[in-house]
Amino acid sequence: MSDGRLVVRFPNSDIDEANRYARSLADEISELSEPDVKEVNVDRENPEAQDFGATLVLVLGTAAVTAVAKGIKSWLARNSGATVEILKNGSVIAKHLDSKDAAEIAKAMSEKTAQTK
């Protein structure tokens, strides 16, 4: 997948909490108005589950990485105790993140995006 697809999960949250987190983070990122954020979708991790979607899927262009990292940082600052895990091509690129980790988020996202091009 060289399309800049990232998956954001909330591994230490129950399904209801993860649903809320995914939707609120999707709203945060959608409000960035960054043209390189091509898609922001809330998906089910398990297609057989009856939840509304506890996983956030982002399709980014390279220029959107910094803006999305700042959006995640801002969201984490407002959602104290939330644990975020970011995956690229099925591999975890960042985990146990909190609001002070924006630089680490951007770096991890940039490195993995560059490696797939």
C-alpha atoms as a PDB file:
ATOM      1  CA  MET A   1       0.000   0.000   0.000  1.00  0.00           C
ATOM      2  CA  SER A   2       1.843   3.068  -1.148  1.00  0.00           C
ATOM      3  CA  ASP A   3      -1.173   5.351  -0.778  1.00  0.00           C
ATOM      4  CA  GLY A   4      -0.255   6.726   2.651  1.00  0.00           C
ATOM      5  CA  ARG A   5      -2.860   4.627   4.487  1.00  0.00           C
ATOM      6  CA  LEU A   6      -2.558   4.684   8.267  1.00  0.00           C
ATOM      7  CA  VAL A   7      -4.690   2.901  10.843  1.00  0.00           C
ATOM      8  CA  VAL A   8      -5.225   4.380  14.311  1.00  0.00           C
ATOM      9  CA  ARG A   9      -6.399   2.041  17.059  1.00  0.00           C
ATOM     10  CA  PHE A  10      -7.207   2.510  20.718  1.00  0.00           C
ATOM     11  CA  PRO A  11      -5.836  -0.713  22.237  1.00  0.00           C
ATOM     12  CA  ASN A  12      -6.533  -0.093  25.933  1.00  0.00           C
ATOM     13  CA  SER A  13     -10.135   1.011  25.436  1.00  0.00           C
ATOM     14  CA  ASP A  14     -13.328  -1.005  25.572  1.00  0.00           C
ATOM     15  CA  ILE A  15     -15.345  -1.082  22.341  1.00  0.00           C
ATOM     16  CA  ASP A  16     -17.731   1.747  23.319  1.00  0.00           C
ATOM     17  CA  GLU A  17     -14.887   4.030  24.342  1.00  0.00           C
ATOM     18  CA  ALA A  18     -12.901   3.154  21.196  1.00  0.00           C
ATOM     19  CA  ASN A  19     -15.987   3.975  19.071  1.00  0.00           C
ATOM     20  CA  ARG A  20     -16.211   7.430  20.687  1.00  0.00           C
ATOM     21  CA  TYR A  21     -12.474   8.008  20.380  1.00  0.00           C
ATOM     22  CA  ALA A  22     -12.417   7.016  16.690  1.00  0.00           C
ATOM     23  CA  ARG A  23     -15.312   9.336  15.836  1.00  0.00           C
ATOM     24  CA  SER A  24     -13.946  12.313  17.785  1.00  0.00           C
ATOM     25  CA  LEU A  25     -10.430  11.909  16.338  1.00  0.00           C
ATOM     26  CA  ALA A  26     -11.942  11.593  12.842  1.00  0.00           C
ATOM     27  CA  ASP A  27     -13.762  14.894  13.444  1.00  0.00           C
ATOM     28  CA  GLU A  28     -10.540  16.517  14.700  1.00  0.00           C
ATOM     29  CA  ILE A  29      -8.583  15.433  11.633  1.00  0.00           C
ATOM     30  CA  SER A  30     -11.414  16.310   9.225  1.00  0.00           C
ATOM     31  CA  GLU A  31     -11.422  19.857  10.595  1.00  0.00           C
ATOM     32  CA  LEU A  32      -7.774  20.328   9.597  1.00  0.00           C
ATOM     33  CA  SER A  33      -8.862  21.312   6.070  1.00  0.00           C
ATOM     34  CA  GLU A  34      -5.588  19.833   4.854  1.00  0.00           C
ATOM     35  CA  PRO A  35      -5.975  19.005   1.133  1.00  0.00           C
ATOM     36  CA  ASP A  36      -3.517  16.119   1.426  1.00  0.00           C
ATOM     37  CA  VAL A  37      -5.812  14.302   3.896  1.00  0.00           C
ATOM     38  CA  LYS A  38      -7.570  12.281   1.236  1.00  0.00           C
ATOM     39  CA  GLU A  39      -9.788  10.087   3.418  1.00  0.00           C
ATOM     40  CA  VAL A  40     -10.780   9.830   7.067  1.00  0.00           C
ATOM     41  CA  ASN A  41     -12.913   6.761   7.769  1.00  0.00           C
ATOM     42  CA  VAL A  42     -14.088   5.092  10.944  1.00  0.00           C
ATOM     43  CA  ASP A  43     -14.057   1.329  10.371  1.00  0.00           C
ATOM     44  CA  ARG A  44     -14.780  -1.798  12.315  1.00  0.00           C
ATOM     45  CA  GLU A  45     -11.732  -3.801  13.278  1.00  0.00           C
ATOM     46  CA  ASN A  46     -13.834  -6.934  13.068  1.00  0.00           C
ATOM     47  CA  PRO A  47     -16.344  -6.847  10.182  1.00  0.00           C
ATOM     48  CA  GLU A  48     -18.532  -9.331  12.093  1.00  0.00           C
ATOM     49  CA  ALA A  49     -18.799  -7.040  15.130  1.00  0.00           C
ATOM     50  CA  GLN A  50     -21.858  -4.886  15.669  1.00  0.00           C
ATOM     51  CA  ASP A  51     -19.963  -1.790  16.781  1.00  0.00           C
ATOM     52  CA  PHE A  52     -20.044   1.474  14.829  1.00  0.00           C
ATOM     53  CA  GLY A  53     -16.309   1.404  14.216  1.00  0.00           C
ATOM     54  CA  ALA A  54     -13.467   1.478  16.693  1.00  0.00           C
ATOM     55  CA  THR A  55     -10.616   2.025  14.227  1.00  0.00           C
ATOM     56  CA  LEU A  56      -9.744   5.145  12.294  1.00  0.00           C
ATOM     57  CA  VAL A  57      -8.315   4.767   8.768  1.00  0.00           C
ATOM     58  CA  LEU A  58      -6.499   7.732   7.232  1.00  0.00           C
ATOM     59  CA  VAL A  59      -5.277   8.091   3.664  1.00  0.00           C
ATOM     60  CA  LEU A  60      -2.673  10.838   3.544  1.00  0.00           C
ATOM     61  CA  GLY A  61      -0.505  12.565   1.039  1.00  0.00           C
ATOM     62  CA  THR A  62       3.019  13.305   2.231  1.00  0.00           C
ATOM     63  CA  ALA A  63       2.322  16.949   3.069  1.00  0.00           C
ATOM     64  CA  ALA A  64      -0.496  16.013   5.486  1.00  0.00           C
ATOM     65  CA  VAL A  65       1.733  14.147   7.940  1.00  0.00           C
ATOM     66  CA  THR A  66       2.673  17.137  10.093  1.00  0.00           C
ATOM     67  CA  ALA A  67      -0.880  18.485  10.197  1.00  0.00           C
ATOM     68  CA  VAL A  68      -2.314  15.097  11.152  1.00  0.00           C
ATOM     69  CA  ALA A  69       0.356  14.631  13.845  1.00  0.00           C
ATOM     70  CA  LYS A  70      -0.644  18.011  15.315  1.00  0.00           C
ATOM     71  CA  GLY A  71      -4.311  16.984  15.143  1.00  0.00           C
ATOM     72  CA  ILE A  72      -3.572  13.746  17.010  1.00  0.00           C
ATOM     73  CA  LYS A  73      -1.545  15.707  19.572  1.00  0.00           C
ATOM     74  CA  SER A  74      -4.399  18.146  20.135  1.00  0.00           C
ATOM     75  CA  TRP A  75      -6.932  15.319  20.415  1.00  0.00           C
ATOM     76  CA  LEU A  76      -4.751  13.413  22.901  1.00  0.00           C
ATOM     77  CA  ALA A  77      -4.422  16.538  25.044  1.00  0.00           C
ATOM     78  CA  ARG A  78      -8.212  16.639  25.375  1.00  0.00           C
ATOM     79  CA  ASN A  79      -8.609  12.881  25.908  1.00  0.00           C
ATOM     80  CA  SER A  80      -6.403  12.229  28.890  1.00  0.00           C
ATOM     81  CA  GLY A  81      -5.783   8.543  29.440  1.00  0.00           C
ATOM     82  CA  ALA A  82      -6.452   7.534  25.825  1.00  0.00           C
ATOM     83  CA  THR A  83      -3.877   5.205  24.325  1.00  0.00           C
ATOM     84  CA  VAL A  84      -3.263   5.438  20.597  1.00  0.00           C
ATOM     85  CA  GLU A  85      -1.504   2.976  18.328  1.00  0.00           C
ATOM     86  CA  ILE A  86      -0.696   3.846  14.696  1.00  0.00           C
ATOM     87  CA  LEU A  87      -0.163   1.165  12.049  1.00  0.00           C
ATOM     88  CA  LYS A  88       1.193   1.343   8.506  1.00  0.00           C
ATOM     89  CA  ASN A  89       1.007  -1.720   6.246  1.00  0.00           C
ATOM     90  CA  GLY A  90      -0.070  -3.803   9.235  1.00  0.00           C
ATOM     91  CA  SER A  91       3.000  -2.900  11.305  1.00  0.00           C
ATOM     92  CA  VAL A  92       2.864  -0.782  14.432  1.00  0.00           C
ATOM     93  CA  ILE A  93       4.858   2.410  13.836  1.00  0.00           C
ATOM     94  CA  ALA A  94       3.936   4.226  17.053  1.00  0.00           C
ATOM     95  CA  LYS A  95       2.230   3.193  20.264  1.00  0.00           C
ATOM     96  CA  HIS A  96       1.573   4.381  23.823  1.00  0.00           C
ATOM     97  CA  LEU A  97       1.383   7.954  22.555  1.00  0.00           C
ATOM     98  CA  ASP A  98       0.258  11.010  24.462  1.00  0.00           C
ATOM     99  CA  SER A  99       0.017  14.702  23.625  1.00  0.00           C
ATOM    100  CA  LYS A 100       3.736  15.433  24.011  1.00  0.00           C
ATOM    101  CA  ASP A 101       4.571  12.948  21.233  1.00  0.00           C
ATOM    102  CA  ALA A 102       3.575  15.004  18.149  1.00  0.00           C
ATOM    103  CA  ALA A 103       7.152  15.063  16.807  1.00  0.00           C
ATOM    104  CA  GLU A 104       7.462  11.294  17.240  1.00  0.00           C
ATOM    105  CA  ILE A 105       4.091  10.775  15.519  1.00  0.00           C
ATOM    106  CA  ALA A 106       5.108  12.917  12.524  1.00  0.00           C
ATOM    107  CA  LYS A 107       8.515  11.235  12.279  1.00  0.00           C
ATOM    108  CA  ALA A 108       7.056   7.716  12.399  1.00  0.00           C
ATOM    109  CA  MET A 109       4.378   8.575   9.858  1.00  0.00           C
ATOM    110  CA  SER A 110       6.876  10.292   7.526  1.00  0.00           C
ATOM    111  CA  GLU A 111       9.397   7.452   7.649  1.00  0.00           C
ATOM    112  CA  LYS A 112       6.847   4.787   6.869  1.00  0.00           C
ATOM    113  CA  THR A 113       5.234   6.867   4.111  1.00  0.00           C
ATOM    114  CA  ALA A 114       8.634   7.516   2.493  1.00  0.00           C
ATOM    115  CA  GLN A 115       9.563   3.818   2.685  1.00  0.00           C
ATOM    116  CA  THR A 116       6.471   2.804   0.717  1.00  0.00           C
ATOM    117  CA  LYS A 117       7.056   5.162  -2.211  1.00  0.00           C
END
